[in-house]
Amino acid sequence: DGVYERIPRLSQEDIAVLEREIERMEAATSVQRHFILPGGSPAASVCFWIRSVARRAERDVIRSHQIEHLSEHVLSYLNRLS
């Protein structure tokens, strides 16, 4: 149907963009040696909340993938996003 045609498809380049951003952010921060608790600022709290939503979505997609094959790009993208 026309609805699904409007959903953007993830590609290897989308995953590469996330990986480059991860590398850029890791280069700009110090190595984390301890578990980080949420909080500290409103922005930090929002980031922790977003990460938890992304991880939950990743788990749901993995369960769905066990029932019906999904694109490996979706699984990789959610993994990098979380």
PDB file of N, CA and C in Angstrom:
ATOM      1  N   ASP A   1       0.840  -1.187   0.000  1.00  0.00           N
ATOM      2  CA  ASP A   1       0.000   0.000   0.000  1.00  0.00           C
ATOM      3  C   ASP A   1       0.878   1.240   0.000  1.00  0.00           C
ATOM      4  N   GLY A   2       0.328   2.398  -0.299  1.00  0.00           N
ATOM      5  CA  GLY A   2       1.077   3.633  -0.396  1.00  0.00           C
ATOM      6  C   GLY A   2       1.691   4.107   0.904  1.00  0.00           C
ATOM      7  N   VAL A   3       1.131   3.702   2.033  1.00  0.00           N
ATOM      8  CA  VAL A   3       1.639   4.127   3.334  1.00  0.00           C
ATOM      9  C   VAL A   3       3.078   3.659   3.535  1.00  0.00           C
ATOM     10  N   TYR A   4       3.349   2.410   3.231  1.00  0.00           N
ATOM     11  CA  TYR A   4       4.677   1.858   3.468  1.00  0.00           C
ATOM     12  C   TYR A   4       5.721   2.406   2.501  1.00  0.00           C
ATOM     13  N   GLU A   5       5.297   2.886   1.370  1.00  0.00           N
ATOM     14  CA  GLU A   5       6.229   3.459   0.412  1.00  0.00           C
ATOM     15  C   GLU A   5       6.826   4.765   0.911  1.00  0.00           C
ATOM     16  N   ARG A   6       6.155   5.438   1.840  1.00  0.00           N
ATOM     17  CA  ARG A   6       6.637   6.720   2.362  1.00  0.00           C
ATOM     18  C   ARG A   6       7.602   6.543   3.535  1.00  0.00           C
ATOM     19  N   ILE A   7       7.728   5.340   4.045  1.00  0.00           N
ATOM     20  CA  ILE A   7       8.637   5.087   5.159  1.00  0.00           C
ATOM     21  C   ILE A   7      10.059   5.021   4.624  1.00  0.00           C
ATOM     22  N   PRO A   8      10.952   5.866   5.142  1.00  0.00           N
ATOM     23  CA  PRO A   8      12.331   5.824   4.634  1.00  0.00           C
ATOM     24  C   PRO A   8      12.992   4.485   4.944  1.00  0.00           C
ATOM     25  N   ARG A   9      13.785   4.004   4.031  1.00  0.00           N
ATOM     26  CA  ARG A   9      14.521   2.755   4.199  1.00  0.00           C
ATOM     27  C   ARG A   9      15.915   3.070   4.713  1.00  0.00           C
ATOM     28  N   LEU A  10      16.372   2.293   5.662  1.00  0.00           N
ATOM     29  CA  LEU A  10      17.715   2.482   6.201  1.00  0.00           C
ATOM     30  C   LEU A  10      18.728   1.810   5.296  1.00  0.00           C
ATOM     31  N   SER A  11      19.874   2.446   5.180  1.00  0.00           N
ATOM     32  CA  SER A  11      20.938   1.907   4.341  1.00  0.00           C
ATOM     33  C   SER A  11      22.216   1.778   5.164  1.00  0.00           C
ATOM     34  N   GLN A  12      23.219   1.167   4.563  1.00  0.00           N
ATOM     35  CA  GLN A  12      24.519   1.058   5.210  1.00  0.00           C
ATOM     36  C   GLN A  12      25.092   2.447   5.473  1.00  0.00           C
ATOM     37  N   GLU A  13      24.806   3.414   4.612  1.00  0.00           N
ATOM     38  CA  GLU A  13      25.294   4.782   4.804  1.00  0.00           C
ATOM     39  C   GLU A  13      24.678   5.416   6.050  1.00  0.00           C
ATOM     40  N   ASP A  14      23.405   5.134   6.336  1.00  0.00           N
ATOM     41  CA  ASP A  14      22.779   5.647   7.556  1.00  0.00           C
ATOM     42  C   ASP A  14      23.511   5.131   8.794  1.00  0.00           C
ATOM     43  N   ILE A  15      23.887   3.882   8.758  1.00  0.00           N
ATOM     44  CA  ILE A  15      24.628   3.284   9.875  1.00  0.00           C
ATOM     45  C   ILE A  15      26.009   3.910   9.961  1.00  0.00           C
ATOM     46  N   ALA A  16      26.653   4.130   8.829  1.00  0.00           N
ATOM     47  CA  ALA A  16      27.983   4.745   8.811  1.00  0.00           C
ATOM     48  C   ALA A  16      27.945   6.153   9.395  1.00  0.00           C
ATOM     49  N   VAL A  17      26.873   6.896   9.126  1.00  0.00           N
ATOM     50  CA  VAL A  17      26.729   8.246   9.683  1.00  0.00           C
ATOM     51  C   VAL A  17      26.705   8.168  11.210  1.00  0.00           C
ATOM     52  N   LEU A  18      25.914   7.246  11.749  1.00  0.00           N
ATOM     53  CA  LEU A  18      25.875   7.086  13.206  1.00  0.00           C
ATOM     54  C   LEU A  18      27.237   6.692  13.757  1.00  0.00           C
ATOM     55  N   GLU A  19      27.917   5.778  13.098  1.00  0.00           N
ATOM     56  CA  GLU A  19      29.232   5.342  13.567  1.00  0.00           C
ATOM     57  C   GLU A  19      30.233   6.493  13.567  1.00  0.00           C
ATOM     58  N   ARG A  20      30.186   7.340  12.543  1.00  0.00           N
ATOM     59  CA  ARG A  20      31.089   8.502  12.509  1.00  0.00           C
ATOM     60  C   ARG A  20      30.773   9.470  13.649  1.00  0.00           C
ATOM     61  N   GLU A  21      29.489   9.664  13.922  1.00  0.00           N
ATOM     62  CA  GLU A  21      29.102  10.544  15.024  1.00  0.00           C
ATOM     63  C   GLU A  21      29.537   9.974  16.373  1.00  0.00           C
ATOM     64  N   ILE A  22      29.396   8.671  16.542  1.00  0.00           N
ATOM     65  CA  ILE A  22      29.848   8.018  17.776  1.00  0.00           C
ATOM     66  C   ILE A  22      31.348   8.239  17.952  1.00  0.00           C
ATOM     67  N   GLU A  23      32.114   8.017  16.890  1.00  0.00           N
ATOM     68  CA  GLU A  23      33.563   8.211  16.955  1.00  0.00           C
ATOM     69  C   GLU A  23      33.912   9.661  17.264  1.00  0.00           C
ATOM     70  N   ARG A  24      33.206  10.605  16.653  1.00  0.00           N
ATOM     71  CA  ARG A  24      33.463  12.028  16.888  1.00  0.00           C
ATOM     72  C   ARG A  24      33.194  12.384  18.351  1.00  0.00           C
ATOM     73  N   MET A  25      32.079  11.889  18.890  1.00  0.00           N
ATOM     74  CA  MET A  25      31.745  12.197  20.285  1.00  0.00           C
ATOM     75  C   MET A  25      32.703  11.522  21.251  1.00  0.00           C
ATOM     76  N   GLU A  26      33.096  10.287  20.958  1.00  0.00           N
ATOM     77  CA  GLU A  26      34.045   9.595  21.829  1.00  0.00           C
ATOM     78  C   GLU A  26      35.398  10.292  21.843  1.00  0.00           C
ATOM     79  N   ALA A  27      35.807  10.844  20.715  1.00  0.00           N
ATOM     80  CA  ALA A  27      37.087  11.555  20.646  1.00  0.00           C
ATOM     81  C   ALA A  27      37.050  12.844  21.463  1.00  0.00           C
ATOM     82  N   ALA A  28      35.867  13.417  21.605  1.00  0.00           N
ATOM     83  CA  ALA A  28      35.723  14.684  22.316  1.00  0.00           C
ATOM     84  C   ALA A  28      35.519  14.508  23.817  1.00  0.00           C
ATOM     85  N   THR A  29      35.365  13.271  24.289  1.00  0.00           N
ATOM     86  CA  THR A  29      35.130  13.032  25.716  1.00  0.00           C
ATOM     87  C   THR A  29      36.198  12.108  26.275  1.00  0.00           C
ATOM     88  N   SER A  30      36.299  12.104  27.591  1.00  0.00           N
ATOM     89  CA  SER A  30      37.263  11.219  28.227  1.00  0.00           C
ATOM     90  C   SER A  30      36.696   9.805  28.321  1.00  0.00           C
ATOM     91  N   VAL A  31      37.575   8.846  28.496  1.00  0.00           N
ATOM     92  CA  VAL A  31      37.173   7.452  28.617  1.00  0.00           C
ATOM     93  C   VAL A  31      36.400   7.273  29.916  1.00  0.00           C
ATOM     94  N   GLN A  32      35.239   6.624  29.816  1.00  0.00           N
ATOM     95  CA  GLN A  32      34.425   6.378  30.998  1.00  0.00           C
ATOM     96  C   GLN A  32      34.894   5.110  31.683  1.00  0.00           C
ATOM     97  N   ARG A  33      35.219   5.205  32.959  1.00  0.00           N
ATOM     98  CA  ARG A  33      35.711   4.052  33.699  1.00  0.00           C
ATOM     99  C   ARG A  33      34.707   3.568  34.749  1.00  0.00           C
ATOM    100  N   HIS A  34      33.610   4.291  34.902  1.00  0.00           N
ATOM    101  CA  HIS A  34      32.604   3.954  35.905  1.00  0.00           C
ATOM    102  C   HIS A  34      31.220   4.026  35.276  1.00  0.00           C
ATOM    103  N   PHE A  35      30.294   3.331  35.923  1.00  0.00           N
ATOM    104  CA  PHE A  35      28.904   3.398  35.486  1.00  0.00           C
ATOM    105  C   PHE A  35      28.390   4.806  35.755  1.00  0.00           C
ATOM    106  N   ILE A  36      27.691   5.380  34.799  1.00  0.00           N
ATOM    107  CA  ILE A  36      27.185   6.744  34.922  1.00  0.00           C
ATOM    108  C   ILE A  36      25.703   6.690  35.261  1.00  0.00           C
ATOM    109  N   LEU A  37      25.331   7.370  36.339  1.00  0.00           N
ATOM    110  CA  LEU A  37      23.926   7.436  36.724  1.00  0.00           C
ATOM    111  C   LEU A  37      23.260   8.614  36.028  1.00  0.00           C
ATOM    112  N   PRO A  38      21.985   8.473  35.659  1.00  0.00           N
ATOM    113  CA  PRO A  38      21.292   9.570  34.998  1.00  0.00           C
ATOM    114  C   PRO A  38      21.160  10.776  35.915  1.00  0.00           C
ATOM    115  N   GLY A  39      21.098  11.917  35.317  1.00  0.00           N
ATOM    116  CA  GLY A  39      20.910  13.140  36.082  1.00  0.00           C
ATOM    117  C   GLY A  39      22.017  14.135  35.791  1.00  0.00           C
ATOM    118  N   GLY A  40      22.115  15.115  36.636  1.00  0.00           N
ATOM    119  CA  GLY A  40      23.149  16.116  36.474  1.00  0.00           C
ATOM    120  C   GLY A  40      22.618  17.378  35.826  1.00  0.00           C
ATOM    121  N   SER A  41      21.801  17.220  34.824  1.00  0.00           N
ATOM    122  CA  SER A  41      21.191  18.366  34.143  1.00  0.00           C
ATOM    123  C   SER A  41      19.955  17.870  33.401  1.00  0.00           C
ATOM    124  N   PRO A  42      19.065  18.785  33.060  1.00  0.00           N
ATOM    125  CA  PRO A  42      17.894  18.367  32.277  1.00  0.00           C
ATOM    126  C   PRO A  42      18.287  17.714  30.950  1.00  0.00           C
ATOM    127  N   ALA A  43      19.299  18.259  30.279  1.00  0.00           N
ATOM    128  CA  ALA A  43      19.724  17.681  28.995  1.00  0.00           C
ATOM    129  C   ALA A  43      20.250  16.262  29.189  1.00  0.00           C
ATOM    130  N   ALA A  44      21.031  16.027  30.233  1.00  0.00           N
ATOM    131  CA  ALA A  44      21.563  14.690  30.493  1.00  0.00           C
ATOM    132  C   ALA A  44      20.429  13.708  30.792  1.00  0.00           C
ATOM    133  N   SER A  45      19.447  14.156  31.548  1.00  0.00           N
ATOM    134  CA  SER A  45      18.304  13.296  31.867  1.00  0.00           C
ATOM    135  C   SER A  45      17.542  12.914  30.600  1.00  0.00           C
ATOM    136  N   VAL A  46      17.347  13.858  29.705  1.00  0.00           N
ATOM    137  CA  VAL A  46      16.655  13.575  28.450  1.00  0.00           C
ATOM    138  C   VAL A  46      17.461  12.572  27.625  1.00  0.00           C
ATOM    139  N   CYS A  47      18.790  12.730  27.593  1.00  0.00           N
ATOM    140  CA  CYS A  47      19.637  11.795  26.837  1.00  0.00           C
ATOM    141  C   CYS A  47      19.511  10.375  27.379  1.00  0.00           C
ATOM    142  N   PHE A  48      19.505  10.222  28.696  1.00  0.00           N
ATOM    143  CA  PHE A  48      19.345   8.889  29.278  1.00  0.00           C
ATOM    144  C   PHE A  48      17.980   8.316  28.947  1.00  0.00           C
ATOM    145  N   TRP A  49      16.936   9.155  28.978  1.00  0.00           N
ATOM    146  CA  TRP A  49      15.591   8.693  28.645  1.00  0.00           C
ATOM    147  C   TRP A  49      15.528   8.245  27.186  1.00  0.00           C
ATOM    148  N   ILE A  50      16.101   9.043  26.275  1.00  0.00           N
ATOM    149  CA  ILE A  50      16.099   8.694  24.855  1.00  0.00           C
ATOM    150  C   ILE A  50      16.838   7.386  24.630  1.00  0.00           C
ATOM    151  N   ARG A  51      17.971   7.209  25.312  1.00  0.00           N
ATOM    152  CA  ARG A  51      18.735   5.969  25.157  1.00  0.00           C
ATOM    153  C   ARG A  51      17.909   4.767  25.614  1.00  0.00           C
ATOM    154  N   SER A  52      17.180   4.919  26.715  1.00  0.00           N
ATOM    155  CA  SER A  52      16.375   3.789  27.200  1.00  0.00           C
ATOM    156  C   SER A  52      15.258   3.453  26.210  1.00  0.00           C
ATOM    157  N   VAL A  53      14.668   4.467  25.576  1.00  0.00           N
ATOM    158  CA  VAL A  53      13.628   4.226  24.561  1.00  0.00           C
ATOM    159  C   VAL A  53      14.235   3.503  23.356  1.00  0.00           C
ATOM    160  N   ALA A  54      15.430   3.935  22.927  1.00  0.00           N
ATOM    161  CA  ALA A  54      16.087   3.298  21.788  1.00  0.00           C
ATOM    162  C   ALA A  54      16.444   1.849  22.102  1.00  0.00           C
ATOM    163  N   ARG A  55      16.905   1.575  23.317  1.00  0.00           N
ATOM    164  CA  ARG A  55      17.259   0.201  23.696  1.00  0.00           C
ATOM    165  C   ARG A  55      16.008  -0.682  23.750  1.00  0.00           C
ATOM    166  N   ARG A  56      14.910  -0.125  24.251  1.00  0.00           N
ATOM    167  CA  ARG A  56      13.654  -0.887  24.286  1.00  0.00           C
ATOM    168  C   ARG A  56      13.185  -1.193  22.869  1.00  0.00           C
ATOM    169  N   ALA A  57      13.279  -0.212  21.978  1.00  0.00           N
ATOM    170  CA  ALA A  57      12.912  -0.433  20.572  1.00  0.00           C
ATOM    171  C   ALA A  57      13.792  -1.516  19.963  1.00  0.00           C
ATOM    172  N   GLU A  58      15.084  -1.486  20.279  1.00  0.00           N
ATOM    173  CA  GLU A  58      16.005  -2.507  19.757  1.00  0.00           C
ATOM    174  C   GLU A  58      15.579  -3.902  20.211  1.00  0.00           C
ATOM    175  N   ARG A  59      15.234  -4.044  21.485  1.00  0.00           N
ATOM    176  CA  ARG A  59      14.802  -5.352  21.994  1.00  0.00           C
ATOM    177  C   ARG A  59      13.513  -5.807  21.306  1.00  0.00           C
ATOM    178  N   ASP A  60      12.573  -4.877  21.103  1.00  0.00           N
ATOM    179  CA  ASP A  60      11.313  -5.224  20.431  1.00  0.00           C
ATOM    180  C   ASP A  60      11.558  -5.645  18.982  1.00  0.00           C
ATOM    181  N   VAL A  61      12.448  -4.953  18.296  1.00  0.00           N
ATOM    182  CA  VAL A  61      12.741  -5.287  16.901  1.00  0.00           C
ATOM    183  C   VAL A  61      13.425  -6.650  16.819  1.00  0.00           C
ATOM    184  N   ILE A  62      14.303  -6.951  17.757  1.00  0.00           N
ATOM    185  CA  ILE A  62      14.960  -8.266  17.769  1.00  0.00           C
ATOM    186  C   ILE A  62      13.921  -9.366  17.955  1.00  0.00           C
ATOM    187  N   ARG A  63      12.954  -9.150  18.857  1.00  0.00           N
ATOM    188  CA  ARG A  63      11.887 -10.142  19.036  1.00  0.00           C
ATOM    189  C   ARG A  63      11.063 -10.284  17.762  1.00  0.00           C
ATOM    190  N   SER A  64      10.765  -9.169  17.107  1.00  0.00           N
ATOM    191  CA  SER A  64      10.012  -9.220  15.852  1.00  0.00           C
ATOM    192  C   SER A  64      10.804  -9.936  14.767  1.00  0.00           C
ATOM    193  N   HIS A  65      12.106  -9.709  14.747  1.00  0.00           N
ATOM    194  CA  HIS A  65      12.984 -10.327  13.745  1.00  0.00           C
ATOM    195  C   HIS A  65      12.989 -11.853  13.883  1.00  0.00           C
ATOM    196  N   GLN A  66      12.780 -12.346  15.094  1.00  0.00           N
ATOM    197  CA  GLN A  66      12.733 -13.793  15.306  1.00  0.00           C
ATOM    198  C   GLN A  66      11.476 -14.403  14.696  1.00  0.00           C
ATOM    199  N   ILE A  67      10.445 -13.590  14.519  1.00  0.00           N
ATOM    200  CA  ILE A  67       9.181 -14.065  13.938  1.00  0.00           C
ATOM    201  C   ILE A  67       9.172 -13.853  12.427  1.00  0.00           C
ATOM    202  N   GLU A  68       9.591 -12.681  12.009  1.00  0.00           N
ATOM    203  CA  GLU A  68       9.592 -12.343  10.578  1.00  0.00           C
ATOM    204  C   GLU A  68      10.878 -11.595  10.250  1.00  0.00           C
ATOM    205  N   HIS A  69      11.551 -12.024   9.207  1.00  0.00           N
ATOM    206  CA  HIS A  69      12.831 -11.431   8.834  1.00  0.00           C
ATOM    207  C   HIS A  69      12.707  -9.922   8.620  1.00  0.00           C
ATOM    208  N   LEU A  70      13.601  -9.185   9.241  1.00  0.00           N
ATOM    209  CA  LEU A  70      13.680  -7.741   9.056  1.00  0.00           C
ATOM    210  C   LEU A  70      15.054  -7.406   8.496  1.00  0.00           C
ATOM    211  N   SER A  71      15.170  -6.265   7.909  1.00  0.00           N
ATOM    212  CA  SER A  71      16.436  -5.824   7.347  1.00  0.00           C
ATOM    213  C   SER A  71      17.510  -5.755   8.433  1.00  0.00           C
ATOM    214  N   GLU A  72      18.682  -6.275   8.115  1.00  0.00           N
ATOM    215  CA  GLU A  72      19.807  -6.192   9.046  1.00  0.00           C
ATOM    216  C   GLU A  72      20.183  -4.736   9.300  1.00  0.00           C
ATOM    217  N   HIS A  73      19.878  -3.854   8.348  1.00  0.00           N
ATOM    218  CA  HIS A  73      20.169  -2.437   8.531  1.00  0.00           C
ATOM    219  C   HIS A  73      19.379  -1.866   9.707  1.00  0.00           C
ATOM    220  N   VAL A  74      18.144  -2.305   9.864  1.00  0.00           N
ATOM    221  CA  VAL A  74      17.316  -1.825  10.975  1.00  0.00           C
ATOM    222  C   VAL A  74      17.935  -2.253  12.298  1.00  0.00           C
ATOM    223  N   LEU A  75      18.332  -3.510  12.385  1.00  0.00           N
ATOM    224  CA  LEU A  75      18.932  -4.011  13.622  1.00  0.00           C
ATOM    225  C   LEU A  75      20.235  -3.280  13.940  1.00  0.00           C
ATOM    226  N   SER A  76      21.086  -3.099  12.953  1.00  0.00           N
ATOM    227  CA  SER A  76      22.362  -2.406  13.157  1.00  0.00           C
ATOM    228  C   SER A  76      22.146  -0.946  13.539  1.00  0.00           C
ATOM    229  N   TYR A  77      21.224  -0.296  12.870  1.00  0.00           N
ATOM    230  CA  TYR A  77      20.961   1.123  13.138  1.00  0.00           C
ATOM    231  C   TYR A  77      20.489   1.314  14.583  1.00  0.00           C
ATOM    232  N   LEU A  78      19.535   0.513  15.007  1.00  0.00           N
ATOM    233  CA  LEU A  78      19.046   0.651  16.385  1.00  0.00           C
ATOM    234  C   LEU A  78      20.130   0.332  17.398  1.00  0.00           C
ATOM    235  N   ASN A  79      20.992  -0.625  17.080  1.00  0.00           N
ATOM    236  CA  ASN A  79      22.088  -0.946  17.972  1.00  0.00           C
ATOM    237  C   ASN A  79      23.019   0.252  18.129  1.00  0.00           C
ATOM    238  N   ARG A  80      23.380   0.895  17.037  1.00  0.00           N
ATOM    239  CA  ARG A  80      24.273   2.053  17.104  1.00  0.00           C
ATOM    240  C   ARG A  80      23.565   3.246  17.769  1.00  0.00           C
ATOM    241  N   LEU A  81      22.282   3.397  17.483  1.00  0.00           N
ATOM    242  CA  LEU A  81      21.524   4.506  18.051  1.00  0.00           C
ATOM    243  C   LEU A  81      21.464   4.417  19.569  1.00  0.00           C
ATOM    244  N   SER A  82      21.279   3.211  20.075  1.00  0.00           N
ATOM    245  CA  SER A  82      21.149   3.067  21.539  1.00  0.00           C
ATOM    246  C   SER A  82      22.491   3.181  22.225  1.00  0.00           C
TER     247      SER A  82
END
